[in-house]
């Protein structure tokens, strides 16, 4: 999610998917930590 927002600030267009094998700072709703070990799907979509 953070990666997508950073791309948006740099002018990325709508429709960009970012996936990762692992997240070191994954988070859930209300700021809850989200453990993100390899083997799961972590994906974020940027819409403008």
ModelCIF file with pLDDT and N, C-alpha, C, O atoms, coordinates in Angstrom:
data_MODEL
#
_entry.id   MODEL 
#
_entity.id                         1 
_entity.type                       polymer 
_entity.pdbx_number_of_molecules   1 
#
_entity_poly.entity_id                      1 
_entity_poly.type                           'polypeptide(L)' 
_entity_poly.nstd_linkage                   no 
_entity_poly.nstd_monomer                   no 
_entity_poly.pdbx_seq_one_letter_code       
;(UNK)(UNK)(UNK)(UNK)(UNK)(UNK)(UNK)(UNK)(UNK)(UNK)(UNK)(UNK)(UNK)(UNK)(UNK)(UNK)
(UNK)(UNK)(UNK)(UNK)(UNK)(UNK)(UNK)(UNK)(UNK)(UNK)(UNK)(UNK)(UNK)(UNK)(UNK)(UNK)
(UNK)(UNK)(UNK)(UNK)(UNK)(UNK)(UNK)(UNK)(UNK)(UNK)(UNK)(UNK)(UNK)(UNK)(UNK)(UNK)
;
_entity_poly.pdbx_seq_one_letter_code_can   XXXXXXXXXXXXXXXXXXXXXXXXXXXXXXXXXXXXXXXXXXXXXXXX 
_entity_poly.pdbx_strand_id                 A 
#
loop_
_entity_poly_seq.entity_id 
_entity_poly_seq.num 
_entity_poly_seq.mon_id 
_entity_poly_seq.hetero 
1 1  UNK n 
1 2  UNK n 
1 3  UNK n 
1 4  UNK n 
1 5  UNK n 
1 6  UNK n 
1 7  UNK n 
1 8  UNK n 
1 9  UNK n 
1 10 UNK n 
1 11 UNK n 
1 12 UNK n 
1 13 UNK n 
1 14 UNK n 
1 15 UNK n 
1 16 UNK n 
1 17 UNK n 
1 18 UNK n 
1 19 UNK n 
1 20 UNK n 
1 21 UNK n 
1 22 UNK n 
1 23 UNK n 
1 24 UNK n 
1 25 UNK n 
1 26 UNK n 
1 27 UNK n 
1 28 UNK n 
1 29 UNK n 
1 30 UNK n 
1 31 UNK n 
1 32 UNK n 
1 33 UNK n 
1 34 UNK n 
1 35 UNK n 
1 36 UNK n 
1 37 UNK n 
1 38 UNK n 
1 39 UNK n 
1 40 UNK n 
1 41 UNK n 
1 42 UNK n 
1 43 UNK n 
1 44 UNK n 
1 45 UNK n 
1 46 UNK n 
1 47 UNK n 
1 48 UNK n 
#
_struct_asym.id          A 
_struct_asym.entity_id   1 
#
loop_
_ma_qa_metric.id 
_ma_qa_metric.mode 
_ma_qa_metric.name 
_ma_qa_metric.software_group_id 
_ma_qa_metric.type 
1 global pLDDT . pLDDT 
2 local  pLDDT . pLDDT 
#
_ma_qa_metric_global.metric_id      1 
_ma_qa_metric_global.metric_value   84.48 
_ma_qa_metric_global.model_id       1 
_ma_qa_metric_global.ordinal_id     1 
#
loop_
_ma_qa_metric_local.label_asym_id 
_ma_qa_metric_local.label_comp_id 
_ma_qa_metric_local.label_seq_id 
_ma_qa_metric_local.metric_id 
_ma_qa_metric_local.metric_value 
_ma_qa_metric_local.model_id 
_ma_qa_metric_local.ordinal_id 
A UNK 1  2 95.00 1 1  
A UNK 2  2 94.00 1 2  
A UNK 3  2 96.00 1 3  
A UNK 4  2 97.00 1 4  
A UNK 5  2 96.00 1 5  
A UNK 6  2 96.00 1 6  
A UNK 7  2 96.00 1 7  
A UNK 8  2 97.00 1 8  
A UNK 9  2 96.00 1 9  
A UNK 10 2 95.00 1 10 
A UNK 11 2 94.00 1 11 
A UNK 12 2 95.00 1 12 
A UNK 13 2 95.00 1 13 
A UNK 14 2 97.00 1 14 
A UNK 15 2 98.00 1 15 
A UNK 16 2 98.00 1 16 
A UNK 17 2 98.00 1 17 
A UNK 18 2 97.00 1 18 
A UNK 19 2 97.00 1 19 
A UNK 20 2 95.00 1 20 
A UNK 21 2 92.00 1 21 
A UNK 22 2 89.00 1 22 
A UNK 23 2 84.00 1 23 
A UNK 24 2 84.00 1 24 
A UNK 25 2 66.00 1 25 
A UNK 26 2 60.00 1 26 
A UNK 27 2 56.00 1 27 
A UNK 28 2 53.00 1 28 
A UNK 29 2 52.00 1 29 
A UNK 30 2 47.00 1 30 
A UNK 31 2 48.00 1 31 
A UNK 32 2 52.00 1 32 
A UNK 33 2 52.00 1 33 
A UNK 34 2 54.00 1 34 
A UNK 35 2 56.00 1 35 
A UNK 36 2 67.00 1 36 
A UNK 37 2 76.00 1 37 
A UNK 38 2 82.00 1 38 
A UNK 39 2 91.00 1 39 
A UNK 40 2 95.00 1 40 
A UNK 41 2 96.00 1 41 
A UNK 42 2 95.00 1 42 
A UNK 43 2 97.00 1 43 
A UNK 44 2 98.00 1 44 
A UNK 45 2 98.00 1 45 
A UNK 46 2 98.00 1 46 
A UNK 47 2 98.00 1 47 
A UNK 48 2 97.00 1 48 
#
loop_
_atom_site.group_PDB 
_atom_site.id 
_atom_site.type_symbol 
_atom_site.label_atom_id 
_atom_site.label_alt_id 
_atom_site.label_comp_id 
_atom_site.label_asym_id 
_atom_site.label_entity_id 
_atom_site.label_seq_id 
_atom_site.pdbx_PDB_ins_code 
_atom_site.Cartn_x 
_atom_site.Cartn_y 
_atom_site.Cartn_z 
_atom_site.occupancy 
_atom_site.B_iso_or_equiv 
_atom_site.pdbx_formal_charge 
_atom_site.auth_seq_id 
_atom_site.auth_comp_id 
_atom_site.auth_asym_id 
_atom_site.auth_atom_id 
_atom_site.pdbx_PDB_model_num 
ATOM 1   N N  . UNK A 1 1  ? 0.834  -1.210  0.000   1.00 95.00 ? 1  UNK A N  1 
ATOM 2   C CA . UNK A 1 1  ? 0.000  0.000   0.000   1.00 95.00 ? 1  UNK A CA 1 
ATOM 3   C C  . UNK A 1 1  ? 0.863  1.253   0.000   1.00 95.00 ? 1  UNK A C  1 
ATOM 4   O O  . UNK A 1 1  ? 0.620  2.181   -0.771  1.00 95.00 ? 1  UNK A O  1 
ATOM 5   N N  . UNK A 1 2  ? 1.879  1.279   0.871   1.00 94.00 ? 2  UNK A N  1 
ATOM 6   C CA . UNK A 1 2  ? 2.776  2.432   0.934   1.00 94.00 ? 2  UNK A CA 1 
ATOM 7   C C  . UNK A 1 2  ? 3.495  2.630   -0.391  1.00 94.00 ? 2  UNK A C  1 
ATOM 8   O O  . UNK A 1 2  ? 3.666  3.760   -0.849  1.00 94.00 ? 2  UNK A O  1 
ATOM 9   N N  . UNK A 1 3  ? 3.916  1.530   -1.005  1.00 96.00 ? 3  UNK A N  1 
ATOM 10  C CA . UNK A 1 3  ? 4.604  1.613   -2.296  1.00 96.00 ? 3  UNK A CA 1 
ATOM 11  C C  . UNK A 1 3  ? 3.700  2.245   -3.348  1.00 96.00 ? 3  UNK A C  1 
ATOM 12  O O  . UNK A 1 3  ? 4.149  3.086   -4.126  1.00 96.00 ? 3  UNK A O  1 
ATOM 13  N N  . UNK A 1 4  ? 2.420  1.844   -3.377  1.00 97.00 ? 4  UNK A N  1 
ATOM 14  C CA . UNK A 1 4  ? 1.486  2.429   -4.342  1.00 97.00 ? 4  UNK A CA 1 
ATOM 15  C C  . UNK A 1 4  ? 1.287  3.922   -4.099  1.00 97.00 ? 4  UNK A C  1 
ATOM 16  O O  . UNK A 1 4  ? 1.254  4.705   -5.048  1.00 97.00 ? 4  UNK A O  1 
ATOM 17  N N  . UNK A 1 5  ? 1.155  4.316   -2.851  1.00 96.00 ? 5  UNK A N  1 
ATOM 18  C CA . UNK A 1 5  ? 0.958  5.736   -2.542  1.00 96.00 ? 5  UNK A CA 1 
ATOM 19  C C  . UNK A 1 5  ? 2.187  6.550   -2.927  1.00 96.00 ? 5  UNK A C  1 
ATOM 20  O O  . UNK A 1 5  ? 2.060  7.675   -3.411  1.00 96.00 ? 5  UNK A O  1 
ATOM 21  N N  . UNK A 1 6  ? 3.357  5.998   -2.720  1.00 96.00 ? 6  UNK A N  1 
ATOM 22  C CA . UNK A 1 6  ? 4.575  6.704   -3.127  1.00 96.00 ? 6  UNK A CA 1 
ATOM 23  C C  . UNK A 1 6  ? 4.632  6.854   -4.644  1.00 96.00 ? 6  UNK A C  1 
ATOM 24  O O  . UNK A 1 6  ? 5.053  7.894   -5.150  1.00 96.00 ? 6  UNK A O  1 
ATOM 25  N N  . UNK A 1 7  ? 4.213  5.829   -5.364  1.00 96.00 ? 7  UNK A N  1 
ATOM 26  C CA . UNK A 1 7  ? 4.177  5.923   -6.827  1.00 96.00 ? 7  UNK A CA 1 
ATOM 27  C C  . UNK A 1 7  ? 3.159  6.985   -7.264  1.00 96.00 ? 7  UNK A C  1 
ATOM 28  O O  . UNK A 1 7  ? 3.397  7.729   -8.215  1.00 96.00 ? 7  UNK A O  1 
ATOM 29  N N  . UNK A 1 8  ? 2.024  7.044   -6.557  1.00 97.00 ? 8  UNK A N  1 
ATOM 30  C CA . UNK A 1 8  ? 1.004  8.039   -6.906  1.00 97.00 ? 8  UNK A CA 1 
ATOM 31  C C  . UNK A 1 8  ? 1.546  9.453   -6.752  1.00 97.00 ? 8  UNK A C  1 
ATOM 32  O O  . UNK A 1 8  ? 1.280  10.314  -7.591  1.00 97.00 ? 8  UNK A O  1 
ATOM 33  N N  . UNK A 1 9  ? 2.304  9.699   -5.684  1.00 96.00 ? 9  UNK A N  1 
ATOM 34  C CA . UNK A 1 9  ? 2.875  11.035  -5.457  1.00 96.00 ? 9  UNK A CA 1 
ATOM 35  C C  . UNK A 1 9  ? 3.863  11.407  -6.549  1.00 96.00 ? 9  UNK A C  1 
ATOM 36  O O  . UNK A 1 9  ? 4.104  12.587  -6.805  1.00 96.00 ? 9  UNK A O  1 
ATOM 37  N N  . UNK A 1 10 ? 4.435  10.395  -7.194  1.00 95.00 ? 10 UNK A N  1 
ATOM 38  C CA . UNK A 1 10 ? 5.390  10.638  -8.275  1.00 95.00 ? 10 UNK A CA 1 
ATOM 39  C C  . UNK A 1 10 ? 4.723  10.660  -9.650  1.00 95.00 ? 10 UNK A C  1 
ATOM 40  O O  . UNK A 1 10 ? 5.403  10.760  -10.671 1.00 95.00 ? 10 UNK A O  1 
ATOM 41  N N  . UNK A 1 11 ? 3.385  10.567  -9.673  1.00 94.00 ? 11 UNK A N  1 
ATOM 42  C CA . UNK A 1 11 ? 2.668  10.706  -10.936 1.00 94.00 ? 11 UNK A CA 1 
ATOM 43  C C  . UNK A 1 11 ? 2.194  9.422   -11.565 1.00 94.00 ? 11 UNK A C  1 
ATOM 44  O O  . UNK A 1 11 ? 1.767  9.440   -12.719 1.00 94.00 ? 11 UNK A O  1 
ATOM 45  N N  . UNK A 1 12 ? 2.246  8.296   -10.858 1.00 95.00 ? 12 UNK A N  1 
ATOM 46  C CA . UNK A 1 12 ? 1.781  7.033   -11.442 1.00 95.00 ? 12 UNK A CA 1 
ATOM 47  C C  . UNK A 1 12 ? 0.309  7.133   -11.822 1.00 95.00 ? 12 UNK A C  1 
ATOM 48  O O  . UNK A 1 12 ? -0.477 7.801   -11.150 1.00 95.00 ? 12 UNK A O  1 
ATOM 49  N N  . UNK A 1 13 ? -0.042 6.466   -12.896 1.00 95.00 ? 13 UNK A N  1 
ATOM 50  C CA . UNK A 1 13 ? -1.417 6.478   -13.383 1.00 95.00 ? 13 UNK A CA 1 
ATOM 51  C C  . UNK A 1 13 ? -2.260 5.418   -12.692 1.00 95.00 ? 13 UNK A C  1 
ATOM 52  O O  . UNK A 1 13 ? -1.739 4.487   -12.078 1.00 95.00 ? 13 UNK A O  1 
ATOM 53  N N  . UNK A 1 14 ? -3.548 5.578   -12.804 1.00 97.00 ? 14 UNK A N  1 
ATOM 54  C CA . UNK A 1 14 ? -4.489 4.624   -12.220 1.00 97.00 ? 14 UNK A CA 1 
ATOM 55  C C  . UNK A 1 14 ? -4.314 3.249   -12.849 1.00 97.00 ? 14 UNK A C  1 
ATOM 56  O O  . UNK A 1 14 ? -3.998 3.133   -14.033 1.00 97.00 ? 14 UNK A O  1 
ATOM 57  N N  . UNK A 1 15 ? -4.520 2.207   -12.047 1.00 98.00 ? 15 UNK A N  1 
ATOM 58  C CA . UNK A 1 15 ? -4.477 0.850   -12.567 1.00 98.00 ? 15 UNK A CA 1 
ATOM 59  C C  . UNK A 1 15 ? -3.201 0.099   -12.286 1.00 98.00 ? 15 UNK A C  1 
ATOM 60  O O  . UNK A 1 15 ? -3.003 -0.993  -12.817 1.00 98.00 ? 15 UNK A O  1 
ATOM 61  N N  . UNK A 1 16 ? -2.313 0.662   -11.452 1.00 98.00 ? 16 UNK A N  1 
ATOM 62  C CA . UNK A 1 16 ? -1.044 0.004   -11.146 1.00 98.00 ? 16 UNK A CA 1 
ATOM 63  C C  . UNK A 1 16 ? -1.214 -0.989  -9.999  1.00 98.00 ? 16 UNK A C  1 
ATOM 64  O O  . UNK A 1 16 ? -1.635 -0.619  -8.903  1.00 98.00 ? 16 UNK A O  1 
ATOM 65  N N  . UNK A 1 17 ? -0.885 -2.245  -10.262 1.00 98.00 ? 17 UNK A N  1 
ATOM 66  C CA . UNK A 1 17 ? -0.810 -3.282  -9.228  1.00 98.00 ? 17 UNK A CA 1 
ATOM 67  C C  . UNK A 1 17 ? 0.635  -3.434  -8.772  1.00 98.00 ? 17 UNK A C  1 
ATOM 68  O O  . UNK A 1 17 ? 1.550  -3.505  -9.593  1.00 98.00 ? 17 UNK A O  1 
ATOM 69  N N  . UNK A 1 18 ? 0.833  -3.485  -7.463  1.00 97.00 ? 18 UNK A N  1 
ATOM 70  C CA . UNK A 1 18 ? 2.133  -3.828  -6.886  1.00 97.00 ? 18 UNK A CA 1 
ATOM 71  C C  . UNK A 1 18 ? 1.948  -5.095  -6.064  1.00 97.00 ? 18 UNK A C  1 
ATOM 72  O O  . UNK A 1 18 ? 1.086  -5.146  -5.187  1.00 97.00 ? 18 UNK A O  1 
ATOM 73  N N  . UNK A 1 19 ? 2.754  -6.123  -6.343  1.00 97.00 ? 19 UNK A N  1 
ATOM 74  C CA . UNK A 1 19 ? 2.770  -7.311  -5.494  1.00 97.00 ? 19 UNK A CA 1 
ATOM 75  C C  . UNK A 1 19 ? 4.159  -7.474  -4.897  1.00 97.00 ? 19 UNK A C  1 
ATOM 76  O O  . UNK A 1 19 ? 5.142  -6.957  -5.429  1.00 97.00 ? 19 UNK A O  1 
ATOM 77  N N  . UNK A 1 20 ? 4.228  -8.197  -3.790  1.00 95.00 ? 20 UNK A N  1 
ATOM 78  C CA . UNK A 1 20 ? 5.510  -8.442  -3.131  1.00 95.00 ? 20 UNK A CA 1 
ATOM 79  C C  . UNK A 1 20 ? 5.518  -9.854  -2.569  1.00 95.00 ? 20 UNK A C  1 
ATOM 80  O O  . UNK A 1 20 ? 4.478  -10.398 -2.198  1.00 95.00 ? 20 UNK A O  1 
ATOM 81  N N  . UNK A 1 21 ? 6.716  -10.439 -2.514  1.00 92.00 ? 21 UNK A N  1 
ATOM 82  C CA . UNK A 1 21 ? 6.849  -11.751 -1.898  1.00 92.00 ? 21 UNK A CA 1 
ATOM 83  C C  . UNK A 1 21 ? 6.745  -11.650 -0.380  1.00 92.00 ? 21 UNK A C  1 
ATOM 84  O O  . UNK A 1 21 ? 6.276  -12.574 0.284   1.00 92.00 ? 21 UNK A O  1 
ATOM 85  N N  . UNK A 1 22 ? 7.191  -10.508 0.163   1.00 89.00 ? 22 UNK A N  1 
ATOM 86  C CA . UNK A 1 22 ? 7.154  -10.323 1.616   1.00 89.00 ? 22 UNK A CA 1 
ATOM 87  C C  . UNK A 1 22 ? 7.022  -8.843  1.927   1.00 89.00 ? 22 UNK A C  1 
ATOM 88  O O  . UNK A 1 22 ? 7.574  -7.999  1.221   1.00 89.00 ? 22 UNK A O  1 
ATOM 89  N N  . UNK A 1 23 ? 6.283  -8.531  2.994   1.00 84.00 ? 23 UNK A N  1 
ATOM 90  C CA . UNK A 1 23 ? 6.191  -7.163  3.492   1.00 84.00 ? 23 UNK A CA 1 
ATOM 91  C C  . UNK A 1 23 ? 6.863  -7.105  4.860   1.00 84.00 ? 23 UNK A C  1 
ATOM 92  O O  . UNK A 1 23 ? 6.631  -7.960  5.715   1.00 84.00 ? 23 UNK A O  1 
ATOM 93  N N  . UNK A 1 24 ? 7.692  -6.096  5.054   1.00 84.00 ? 24 UNK A N  1 
ATOM 94  C CA . UNK A 1 24 ? 8.340  -5.936  6.356   1.00 84.00 ? 24 UNK A CA 1 
ATOM 95  C C  . UNK A 1 24 ? 7.550  -5.006  7.277   1.00 84.00 ? 24 UNK A C  1 
ATOM 96  O O  . UNK A 1 24 ? 7.814  -4.937  8.477   1.00 84.00 ? 24 UNK A O  1 
ATOM 97  N N  . UNK A 1 25 ? 6.581  -4.294  6.704   1.00 66.00 ? 25 UNK A N  1 
ATOM 98  C CA . UNK A 1 25 ? 5.781  -3.374  7.514   1.00 66.00 ? 25 UNK A CA 1 
ATOM 99  C C  . UNK A 1 25 ? 4.312  -3.453  7.154   1.00 66.00 ? 25 UNK A C  1 
ATOM 100 O O  . UNK A 1 25 ? 3.629  -2.430  7.103   1.00 66.00 ? 25 UNK A O  1 
ATOM 101 N N  . UNK A 1 26 ? 3.814  -4.662  6.902   1.00 60.00 ? 26 UNK A N  1 
ATOM 102 C CA . UNK A 1 26 ? 2.408  -4.818  6.549   1.00 60.00 ? 26 UNK A CA 1 
ATOM 103 C C  . UNK A 1 26 ? 1.493  -4.373  7.682   1.00 60.00 ? 26 UNK A C  1 
ATOM 104 O O  . UNK A 1 26 ? 1.846  -4.481  8.856   1.00 60.00 ? 26 UNK A O  1 
ATOM 105 N N  . UNK A 1 27 ? 0.325  -3.877  7.323   1.00 56.00 ? 27 UNK A N  1 
ATOM 106 C CA . UNK A 1 27 ? -0.599 -3.393  8.341   1.00 56.00 ? 27 UNK A CA 1 
ATOM 107 C C  . UNK A 1 27 ? -2.031 -3.705  7.915   1.00 56.00 ? 27 UNK A C  1 
ATOM 108 O O  . UNK A 1 27 ? -2.328 -3.883  6.733   1.00 56.00 ? 27 UNK A O  1 
ATOM 109 N N  . UNK A 1 28 ? -2.900 -3.763  8.909   1.00 53.00 ? 28 UNK A N  1 
ATOM 110 C CA . UNK A 1 28 ? -4.313 -3.988  8.672   1.00 53.00 ? 28 UNK A CA 1 
ATOM 111 C C  . UNK A 1 28 ? -5.116 -2.772  9.068   1.00 53.00 ? 28 UNK A C  1 
ATOM 112 O O  . UNK A 1 28 ? -4.573 -1.680  9.240   1.00 53.00 ? 28 UNK A O  1 
ATOM 113 N N  . UNK A 1 29 ? -6.423 -2.971  9.213   1.00 52.00 ? 29 UNK A N  1 
ATOM 114 C CA . UNK A 1 29 ? -7.285 -1.867  9.596   1.00 52.00 ? 29 UNK A CA 1 
ATOM 115 C C  . UNK A 1 29 ? -6.922 -1.346  10.988  1.00 52.00 ? 29 UNK A C  1 
ATOM 116 O O  . UNK A 1 29 ? -6.440 -2.085  11.847  1.00 52.00 ? 29 UNK A O  1 
ATOM 117 N N  . UNK A 1 30 ? -7.171 -0.048  11.177  1.00 47.00 ? 30 UNK A N  1 
ATOM 118 C CA . UNK A 1 30 ? -6.933 0.627   12.459  1.00 47.00 ? 30 UNK A CA 1 
ATOM 119 C C  . UNK A 1 30 ? -5.485 0.499   12.909  1.00 47.00 ? 30 UNK A C  1 
ATOM 120 O O  . UNK A 1 30 ? -5.197 0.483   14.106  1.00 47.00 ? 30 UNK A O  1 
ATOM 121 N N  . UNK A 1 31 ? -4.564 0.408   11.931  1.00 48.00 ? 31 UNK A N  1 
ATOM 122 C CA . UNK A 1 31 ? -3.143 0.390   12.245  1.00 48.00 ? 31 UNK A CA 1 
ATOM 123 C C  . UNK A 1 31 ? -2.618 -0.908  12.812  1.00 48.00 ? 31 UNK A C  1 
ATOM 124 O O  . UNK A 1 31 ? -1.485 -0.953  13.289  1.00 48.00 ? 31 UNK A O  1 
ATOM 125 N N  . UNK A 1 32 ? -3.421 -1.982  12.775  1.00 52.00 ? 32 UNK A N  1 
ATOM 126 C CA . UNK A 1 32 ? -2.958 -3.256  13.320  1.00 52.00 ? 32 UNK A CA 1 
ATOM 127 C C  . UNK A 1 32 ? -1.854 -3.842  12.441  1.00 52.00 ? 32 UNK A C  1 
ATOM 128 O O  . UNK A 1 32 ? -1.906 -3.754  11.214  1.00 52.00 ? 32 UNK A O  1 
ATOM 129 N N  . UNK A 1 33 ? -0.863 -4.437  13.087  1.00 52.00 ? 33 UNK A N  1 
ATOM 130 C CA . UNK A 1 33 ? 0.219  -5.077  12.340  1.00 52.00 ? 33 UNK A CA 1 
ATOM 131 C C  . UNK A 1 33 ? -0.323 -6.279  11.580  1.00 52.00 ? 33 UNK A C  1 
ATOM 132 O O  . UNK A 1 33 ? -1.219 -6.977  12.057  1.00 52.00 ? 33 UNK A O  1 
ATOM 133 N N  . UNK A 1 34 ? 0.232  -6.513  10.388  1.00 54.00 ? 34 UNK A N  1 
ATOM 134 C CA . UNK A 1 34 ? -0.171 -7.657  9.570   1.00 54.00 ? 34 UNK A CA 1 
ATOM 135 C C  . UNK A 1 34 ? 1.099  -8.399  9.186   1.00 54.00 ? 34 UNK A C  1 
ATOM 136 O O  . UNK A 1 34 ? 1.871  -7.928  8.351   1.00 54.00 ? 34 UNK A O  1 
ATOM 137 N N  . UNK A 1 35 ? 1.314  -9.556  9.793   1.00 56.00 ? 35 UNK A N  1 
ATOM 138 C CA . UNK A 1 35 ? 2.500  -10.346 9.513   1.00 56.00 ? 35 UNK A CA 1 
ATOM 139 C C  . UNK A 1 35 ? 2.475  -10.817 8.065   1.00 56.00 ? 35 UNK A C  1 
ATOM 140 O O  . UNK A 1 35 ? 1.449  -11.294 7.581   1.00 56.00 ? 35 UNK A O  1 
ATOM 141 N N  . UNK A 1 36 ? 3.606  -10.684 7.372   1.00 67.00 ? 36 UNK A N  1 
ATOM 142 C CA . UNK A 1 36 ? 3.616  -10.884 5.921   1.00 67.00 ? 36 UNK A CA 1 
ATOM 143 C C  . UNK A 1 36 ? 4.792  -11.747 5.491   1.00 67.00 ? 36 UNK A C  1 
ATOM 144 O O  . UNK A 1 36 ? 5.750  -11.256 4.894   1.00 67.00 ? 36 UNK A O  1 
ATOM 145 N N  . UNK A 1 37 ? 4.710  -13.030 5.797   1.00 76.00 ? 37 UNK A N  1 
ATOM 146 C CA . UNK A 1 37 ? 5.779  -13.960 5.451   1.00 76.00 ? 37 UNK A CA 1 
ATOM 147 C C  . UNK A 1 37 ? 5.633  -14.444 4.007   1.00 76.00 ? 37 UNK A C  1 
ATOM 148 O O  . UNK A 1 37 ? 4.535  -14.394 3.452   1.00 76.00 ? 37 UNK A O  1 
ATOM 149 N N  . UNK A 1 38 ? 6.728  -14.914 3.388   1.00 82.00 ? 38 UNK A N  1 
ATOM 150 C CA . UNK A 1 38 ? 6.658  -15.436 2.021   1.00 82.00 ? 38 UNK A CA 1 
ATOM 151 C C  . UNK A 1 38 ? 5.702  -16.620 1.918   1.00 82.00 ? 38 UNK A C  1 
ATOM 152 O O  . UNK A 1 38 ? 5.523  -17.377 2.872   1.00 82.00 ? 38 UNK A O  1 
ATOM 153 N N  . UNK A 1 39 ? 5.092  -16.765 0.744   1.00 91.00 ? 39 UNK A N  1 
ATOM 154 C CA . UNK A 1 39 ? 4.165  -17.859 0.493   1.00 91.00 ? 39 UNK A CA 1 
ATOM 155 C C  . UNK A 1 39 ? 2.726  -17.411 0.395   1.00 91.00 ? 39 UNK A C  1 
ATOM 156 O O  . UNK A 1 39 ? 1.876  -18.152 -0.099  1.00 91.00 ? 39 UNK A O  1 
ATOM 157 N N  . UNK A 1 40 ? 2.437  -16.199 0.863   1.00 95.00 ? 40 UNK A N  1 
ATOM 158 C CA . UNK A 1 40 ? 1.103  -15.628 0.739   1.00 95.00 ? 40 UNK A CA 1 
ATOM 159 C C  . UNK A 1 40 ? 1.081  -14.600 -0.381  1.00 95.00 ? 40 UNK A C  1 
ATOM 160 O O  . UNK A 1 40 ? 2.121  -14.258 -0.944  1.00 95.00 ? 40 UNK A O  1 
ATOM 161 N N  . UNK A 1 41 ? -0.122 -14.106 -0.704  1.00 96.00 ? 41 UNK A N  1 
ATOM 162 C CA . UNK A 1 41 ? -0.244 -13.066 -1.721  1.00 96.00 ? 41 UNK A CA 1 
ATOM 163 C C  . UNK A 1 41 ? -0.422 -11.723 -1.036  1.00 96.00 ? 41 UNK A C  1 
ATOM 164 O O  . UNK A 1 41 ? -1.324 -11.541 -0.219  1.00 96.00 ? 41 UNK A O  1 
ATOM 165 N N  . UNK A 1 42 ? 0.447  -10.788 -1.381  1.00 95.00 ? 42 UNK A N  1 
ATOM 166 C CA . UNK A 1 42 ? 0.359  -9.408  -0.910  1.00 95.00 ? 42 UNK A CA 1 
ATOM 167 C C  . UNK A 1 42 ? 0.281  -8.522  -2.145  1.00 95.00 ? 42 UNK A C  1 
ATOM 168 O O  . UNK A 1 42 ? 1.237  -8.441  -2.917  1.00 95.00 ? 42 UNK A O  1 
ATOM 169 N N  . UNK A 1 43 ? -0.839 -7.868  -2.328  1.00 97.00 ? 43 UNK A N  1 
ATOM 170 C CA . UNK A 1 43 ? -1.078 -7.129  -3.569  1.00 97.00 ? 43 UNK A CA 1 
ATOM 171 C C  . UNK A 1 43 ? -1.833 -5.843  -3.269  1.00 97.00 ? 43 UNK A C  1 
ATOM 172 O O  . UNK A 1 43 ? -2.745 -5.829  -2.442  1.00 97.00 ? 43 UNK A O  1 
ATOM 173 N N  . UNK A 1 44 ? -1.453 -4.768  -3.941  1.00 98.00 ? 44 UNK A N  1 
ATOM 174 C CA . UNK A 1 44 ? -2.152 -3.485  -3.796  1.00 98.00 ? 44 UNK A CA 1 
ATOM 175 C C  . UNK A 1 44 ? -2.386 -2.892  -5.171  1.00 98.00 ? 44 UNK A C  1 
ATOM 176 O O  . UNK A 1 44 ? -1.545 -2.988  -6.064  1.00 98.00 ? 44 UNK A O  1 
ATOM 177 N N  . UNK A 1 45 ? -3.549 -2.277  -5.319  1.00 98.00 ? 45 UNK A N  1 
ATOM 178 C CA . UNK A 1 45 ? -3.947 -1.656  -6.580  1.00 98.00 ? 45 UNK A CA 1 
ATOM 179 C C  . UNK A 1 45 ? -4.137 -0.164  -6.365  1.00 98.00 ? 45 UNK A C  1 
ATOM 180 O O  . UNK A 1 45 ? -4.861 0.251   -5.459  1.00 98.00 ? 45 UNK A O  1 
ATOM 181 N N  . UNK A 1 46 ? -3.493 0.637   -7.190  1.00 98.00 ? 46 UNK A N  1 
ATOM 182 C CA . UNK A 1 46 ? -3.631 2.085   -7.154  1.00 98.00 ? 46 UNK A CA 1 
ATOM 183 C C  . UNK A 1 46 ? -4.715 2.534   -8.122  1.00 98.00 ? 46 UNK A C  1 
ATOM 184 O O  . UNK A 1 46 ? -4.685 2.195   -9.305  1.00 98.00 ? 46 UNK A O  1 
ATOM 185 N N  . UNK A 1 47 ? -5.669 3.300   -7.611  1.00 98.00 ? 47 UNK A N  1 
ATOM 186 C CA . UNK A 1 47 ? -6.687 3.939   -8.434  1.00 98.00 ? 47 UNK A CA 1 
ATOM 187 C C  . UNK A 1 47 ? -6.609 5.444   -8.228  1.00 98.00 ? 47 UNK A C  1 
ATOM 188 O O  . UNK A 1 47 ? -6.439 5.913   -7.103  1.00 98.00 ? 47 UNK A O  1 
ATOM 189 N N  . UNK A 1 48 ? -6.731 6.187   -9.293  1.00 97.00 ? 48 UNK A N  1 
ATOM 190 C CA . UNK A 1 48 ? -6.727 7.649   -9.214  1.00 97.00 ? 48 UNK A CA 1 
ATOM 191 C C  . UNK A 1 48 ? -8.123 8.153   -9.567  1.00 97.00 ? 48 UNK A C  1 
ATOM 192 O O  . UNK A 1 48 ? -8.360 9.361   -9.568  1.00 97.00 ? 48 UNK A O  1 
#
